[in-house]
PDB file of N, CA and C in Angstrom:
ATOM      1  N   MET A   1      25.640 145.878 124.509  1.00  0.00           N
ATOM      2  CA  MET A   1      26.812 145.117 124.807  1.00  0.00           C
ATOM      3  C   MET A   1      26.527 143.659 124.465  1.00  0.00           C
ATOM      4  N   ILE A   2      27.531 143.017 123.879  1.00  0.00           N
ATOM      5  CA  ILE A   2      27.454 141.591 123.592  1.00  0.00           C
ATOM      6  C   ILE A   2      28.536 140.910 124.415  1.00  0.00           C
ATOM      7  N   LEU A   3      28.160 139.899 125.157  1.00  0.00           N
ATOM      8  CA  LEU A   3      29.120 139.135 125.946  1.00  0.00           C
ATOM      9  C   LEU A   3      29.108 137.704 125.460  1.00  0.00           C
ATOM     10  N   ARG A   4      30.279 137.199 125.161  1.00  0.00           N
ATOM     11  CA  ARG A   4      30.393 135.830 124.661  1.00  0.00           C
ATOM     12  C   ARG A   4      31.462 135.115 125.453  1.00  0.00           C
ATOM     13  N   GLU A   5      31.104 134.020 126.095  1.00  0.00           N
ATOM     14  CA  GLU A   5      32.080 133.235 126.839  1.00  0.00           C
ATOM     15  C   GLU A   5      32.359 131.947 126.081  1.00  0.00           C
ATOM     16  N   ILE A   6      33.630 131.638 125.947  1.00  0.00           N
ATOM     17  CA  ILE A   6      34.041 130.427 125.244  1.00  0.00           C
ATOM     18  C   ILE A   6      34.872 129.609 126.222  1.00  0.00           C
ATOM     19  N   ASP A   7      34.347 128.473 126.635  1.00  0.00           N
ATOM     20  CA  ASP A   7      35.026 127.654 127.634  1.00  0.00           C
ATOM     21  C   ASP A   7      36.097 126.749 127.036  1.00  0.00           C
ATOM     22  N   ASP A   8      35.791 126.127 125.930  1.00  0.00           N
ATOM     23  CA  ASP A   8      36.704 125.163 125.326  1.00  0.00           C
ATOM     24  C   ASP A   8      37.055 125.630 123.915  1.00  0.00           C
ATOM     25  N   VAL A   9      38.213 126.265 123.764  1.00  0.00           N
ATOM     26  CA  VAL A   9      38.619 126.824 122.475  1.00  0.00           C
ATOM     27  C   VAL A   9      39.037 125.705 121.535  1.00  0.00           C
ATOM     28  N   GLN A  10      38.381 125.624 120.375  1.00  0.00           N
ATOM     29  CA  GLN A  10      38.676 124.611 119.378  1.00  0.00           C
ATOM     30  C   GLN A  10      39.500 125.171 118.223  1.00  0.00           C
ATOM     31  N   ASP A  11      39.362 126.477 117.988  1.00  0.00           N
ATOM     32  CA  ASP A  11      39.998 127.119 116.845  1.00  0.00           C
ATOM     33  C   ASP A  11      40.460 128.505 117.287  1.00  0.00           C
ATOM     34  N   ALA A  12      41.563 128.989 116.730  1.00  0.00           N
ATOM     35  CA  ALA A  12      42.091 130.294 117.108  1.00  0.00           C
ATOM     36  C   ALA A  12      41.261 131.446 116.540  1.00  0.00           C
ATOM     37  N   THR A  13      40.303 131.155 115.655  1.00  0.00           N
ATOM     38  CA  THR A  13      39.476 132.189 115.036  1.00  0.00           C
ATOM     39  C   THR A  13      38.040 132.059 115.525  1.00  0.00           C
ATOM     40  N   GLU A  14      37.487 133.171 115.972  1.00  0.00           N
ATOM     41  CA  GLU A  14      36.082 133.222 116.382  1.00  0.00           C
ATOM     42  C   GLU A  14      35.400 134.286 115.537  1.00  0.00           C
ATOM     43  N   ARG A  15      34.327 133.933 114.865  1.00  0.00           N
ATOM     44  CA  ARG A  15      33.607 134.882 114.008  1.00  0.00           C
ATOM     45  C   ARG A  15      32.409 135.440 114.770  1.00  0.00           C
ATOM     46  N   ILE A  16      32.222 136.744 114.609  1.00  0.00           N
ATOM     47  CA  ILE A  16      31.117 137.442 115.260  1.00  0.00           C
ATOM     48  C   ILE A  16      30.298 138.146 114.185  1.00  0.00           C
ATOM     49  N   GLN A  17      28.998 137.926 114.163  1.00  0.00           N
ATOM     50  CA  GLN A  17      28.122 138.572 113.195  1.00  0.00           C
ATOM     51  C   GLN A  17      27.932 140.038 113.590  1.00  0.00           C
ATOM     52  N   LEU A  18      28.225 140.950 112.662  1.00  0.00           N
ATOM     53  CA  LEU A  18      28.109 142.374 112.928  1.00  0.00           C
ATOM     54  C   LEU A  18      26.976 143.033 112.150  1.00  0.00           C
ATOM     55  N   ASN A  19      26.326 142.304 111.258  1.00  0.00           N
ATOM     56  CA  ASN A  19      25.316 142.909 110.379  1.00  0.00           C
ATOM     57  C   ASN A  19      24.071 143.383 111.132  1.00  0.00           C
ATOM     58  N   ASN A  20      23.878 142.976 112.377  1.00  0.00           N
ATOM     59  CA  ASN A  20      22.709 143.438 113.131  1.00  0.00           C
ATOM     60  C   ASN A  20      23.028 144.637 114.019  1.00  0.00           C
ATOM     61  N   LEU A  21      24.281 145.140 113.984  1.00  0.00           N
ATOM     62  CA  LEU A  21      24.662 146.295 114.783  1.00  0.00           C
ATOM     63  C   LEU A  21      24.411 147.587 114.013  1.00  0.00           C
ATOM     64  N   PRO A  22      23.947 148.633 114.697  1.00  0.00           N
ATOM     65  CA  PRO A  22      23.813 149.921 114.036  1.00  0.00           C
ATOM     66  C   PRO A  22      25.190 150.479 113.674  1.00  0.00           C
ATOM     67  N   SER A  23      25.230 151.374 112.680  1.00  0.00           N
ATOM     68  CA  SER A  23      26.487 152.006 112.292  1.00  0.00           C
ATOM     69  C   SER A  23      27.090 152.732 113.480  1.00  0.00           C
ATOM     70  N   GLY A  24      28.405 152.651 113.583  1.00  0.00           N
ATOM     71  CA  GLY A  24      29.087 153.358 114.666  1.00  0.00           C
ATOM     72  C   GLY A  24      30.459 152.760 114.924  1.00  0.00           C
ATOM     73  N   ILE A  25      31.106 153.296 115.948  1.00  0.00           N
ATOM     74  CA  ILE A  25      32.415 152.817 116.358  1.00  0.00           C
ATOM     75  C   ILE A  25      32.226 151.963 117.608  1.00  0.00           C
ATOM     76  N   TYR A  26      32.819 150.786 117.614  1.00  0.00           N
ATOM     77  CA  TYR A  26      32.685 149.831 118.691  1.00  0.00           C
ATOM     78  C   TYR A  26      34.061 149.463 119.240  1.00  0.00           C
ATOM     79  N   THR A  27      34.070 148.963 120.454  1.00  0.00           N
ATOM     80  CA  THR A  27      35.296 148.469 121.071  1.00  0.00           C
ATOM     81  C   THR A  27      35.112 146.995 121.390  1.00  0.00           C
ATOM     82  N   LEU A  28      36.061 146.194 120.935  1.00  0.00           N
ATOM     83  CA  LEU A  28      36.088 144.764 121.223  1.00  0.00           C
ATOM     84  C   LEU A  28      37.154 144.543 122.280  1.00  0.00           C
ATOM     85  N   THR A  29      36.791 143.894 123.389  1.00  0.00           N
ATOM     86  CA  THR A  29      37.746 143.588 124.437  1.00  0.00           C
ATOM     87  C   THR A  29      37.822 142.081 124.594  1.00  0.00           C
ATOM     88  N   LEU A  30      39.023 141.568 124.496  1.00  0.00           N
ATOM     89  CA  LEU A  30      39.275 140.137 124.637  1.00  0.00           C
ATOM     90  C   LEU A  30      39.939 139.898 125.979  1.00  0.00           C
ATOM     91  N   ARG A  31      39.302 139.055 126.780  1.00  0.00           N
ATOM     92  CA  ARG A  31      39.864 138.710 128.085  1.00  0.00           C
ATOM     93  C   ARG A  31      40.209 137.231 128.088  1.00  0.00           C
ATOM     94  N   THR A  32      41.454 136.951 128.380  1.00  0.00           N
ATOM     95  CA  THR A  32      41.949 135.573 128.431  1.00  0.00           C
ATOM     96  C   THR A  32      42.486 135.319 129.828  1.00  0.00           C
ATOM     97  N   ALA A  33      42.150 134.193 130.413  1.00  0.00           N
ATOM     98  CA  ALA A  33      42.594 133.873 131.770  1.00  0.00           C
ATOM     99  C   ALA A  33      44.108 133.999 131.895  1.00  0.00           C
ATOM    100  N   GLY A  34      44.532 134.708 132.925  1.00  0.00           N
ATOM    101  CA  GLY A  34      45.953 134.845 133.201  1.00  0.00           C
ATOM    102  C   GLY A  34      46.670 135.891 132.366  1.00  0.00           C
ATOM    103  N   GLN A  35      45.937 136.647 131.523  1.00  0.00           N
ATOM    104  CA  GLN A  35      46.563 137.665 130.679  1.00  0.00           C
ATOM    105  C   GLN A  35      45.793 138.975 130.790  1.00  0.00           C
ATOM    106  N   ALA A  36      46.473 140.068 130.476  1.00  0.00           N
ATOM    107  CA  ALA A  36      45.822 141.375 130.492  1.00  0.00           C
ATOM    108  C   ALA A  36      44.816 141.466 129.347  1.00  0.00           C
ATOM    109  N   PRO A  37      43.682 142.152 129.547  1.00  0.00           N
ATOM    110  CA  PRO A  37      42.710 142.330 128.462  1.00  0.00           C
ATOM    111  C   PRO A  37      43.318 143.102 127.295  1.00  0.00           C
ATOM    112  N   VAL A  38      42.841 142.792 126.084  1.00  0.00           N
ATOM    113  CA  VAL A  38      43.267 143.479 124.863  1.00  0.00           C
ATOM    114  C   VAL A  38      42.026 144.102 124.241  1.00  0.00           C
ATOM    115  N   SER A  39      42.076 145.408 123.943  1.00  0.00           N
ATOM    116  CA  SER A  39      40.940 146.118 123.353  1.00  0.00           C
ATOM    117  C   SER A  39      41.323 146.704 122.001  1.00  0.00           C
ATOM    118  N   LYS A  40      40.403 146.612 121.052  1.00  0.00           N
ATOM    119  CA  LYS A  40      40.571 147.192 119.718  1.00  0.00           C
ATOM    120  C   LYS A  40      39.269 147.866 119.328  1.00  0.00           C
ATOM    121  N   GLN A  41      39.367 149.012 118.637  1.00  0.00           N
ATOM    122  CA  GLN A  41      38.185 149.690 118.129  1.00  0.00           C
ATOM    123  C   GLN A  41      37.985 149.332 116.663  1.00  0.00           C
ATOM    124  N   PHE A  42      36.707 149.275 116.241  1.00  0.00           N
ATOM    125  CA  PHE A  42      36.390 149.016 114.843  1.00  0.00           C
ATOM    126  C   PHE A  42      35.111 149.763 114.485  1.00  0.00           C
ATOM    127  N   MET A  43      34.918 149.949 113.186  1.00  0.00           N
ATOM    128  CA  MET A  43      33.780 150.693 112.676  1.00  0.00           C
ATOM    129  C   MET A  43      32.825 149.755 111.951  1.00  0.00           C
ATOM    130  N   VAL A  44      31.538 149.987 112.139  1.00  0.00           N
ATOM    131  CA  VAL A  44      30.500 149.213 111.462  1.00  0.00           C
ATOM    132  C   VAL A  44      29.662 150.169 110.621  1.00  0.00           C
ATOM    133  N   GLY A  45      29.378 149.798 109.364  1.00  0.00           N
ATOM    134  CA  GLY A  45      28.425 150.522 108.547  1.00  0.00           C
ATOM    135  C   GLY A  45      28.954 151.704 107.774  1.00  0.00           C
ATOM    136  N   SER A  46      30.238 151.880 107.715  1.00  0.00           N
ATOM    137  CA  SER A  46      30.797 152.999 106.964  1.00  0.00           C
ATOM    138  C   SER A  46      32.120 152.573 106.373  1.00  0.00           C
ATOM    139  N   GLN A  47      32.390 153.023 105.171  1.00  0.00           N
ATOM    140  CA  GLN A  47      33.654 152.687 104.503  1.00  0.00           C
ATOM    141  C   GLN A  47      34.760 153.575 105.030  1.00  0.00           C
ATOM    142  N   ARG A  48      35.924 152.996 105.280  1.00  0.00           N
ATOM    143  CA  ARG A  48      37.079 153.791 105.689  1.00  0.00           C
ATOM    144  C   ARG A  48      37.675 154.460 104.457  1.00  0.00           C
ATOM    145  N   PRO A  49      38.180 155.689 104.617  1.00  0.00           N
ATOM    146  CA  PRO A  49      38.794 156.388 103.456  1.00  0.00           C
ATOM    147  C   PRO A  49      40.090 155.727 103.016  1.00  0.00           C
TER     148      PRO A  49
END
């Protein structure tokens, strides 16, 4: 699990390095104060058909 806390948002885009993760399916969950969490799944290390 990777946990990243950002206190002072400067830009609407945050880049996360994925090249050190093993191949597989991952879930990214974004939690913003005062809003419901948003989760998305993504794949690392394999081409989508």
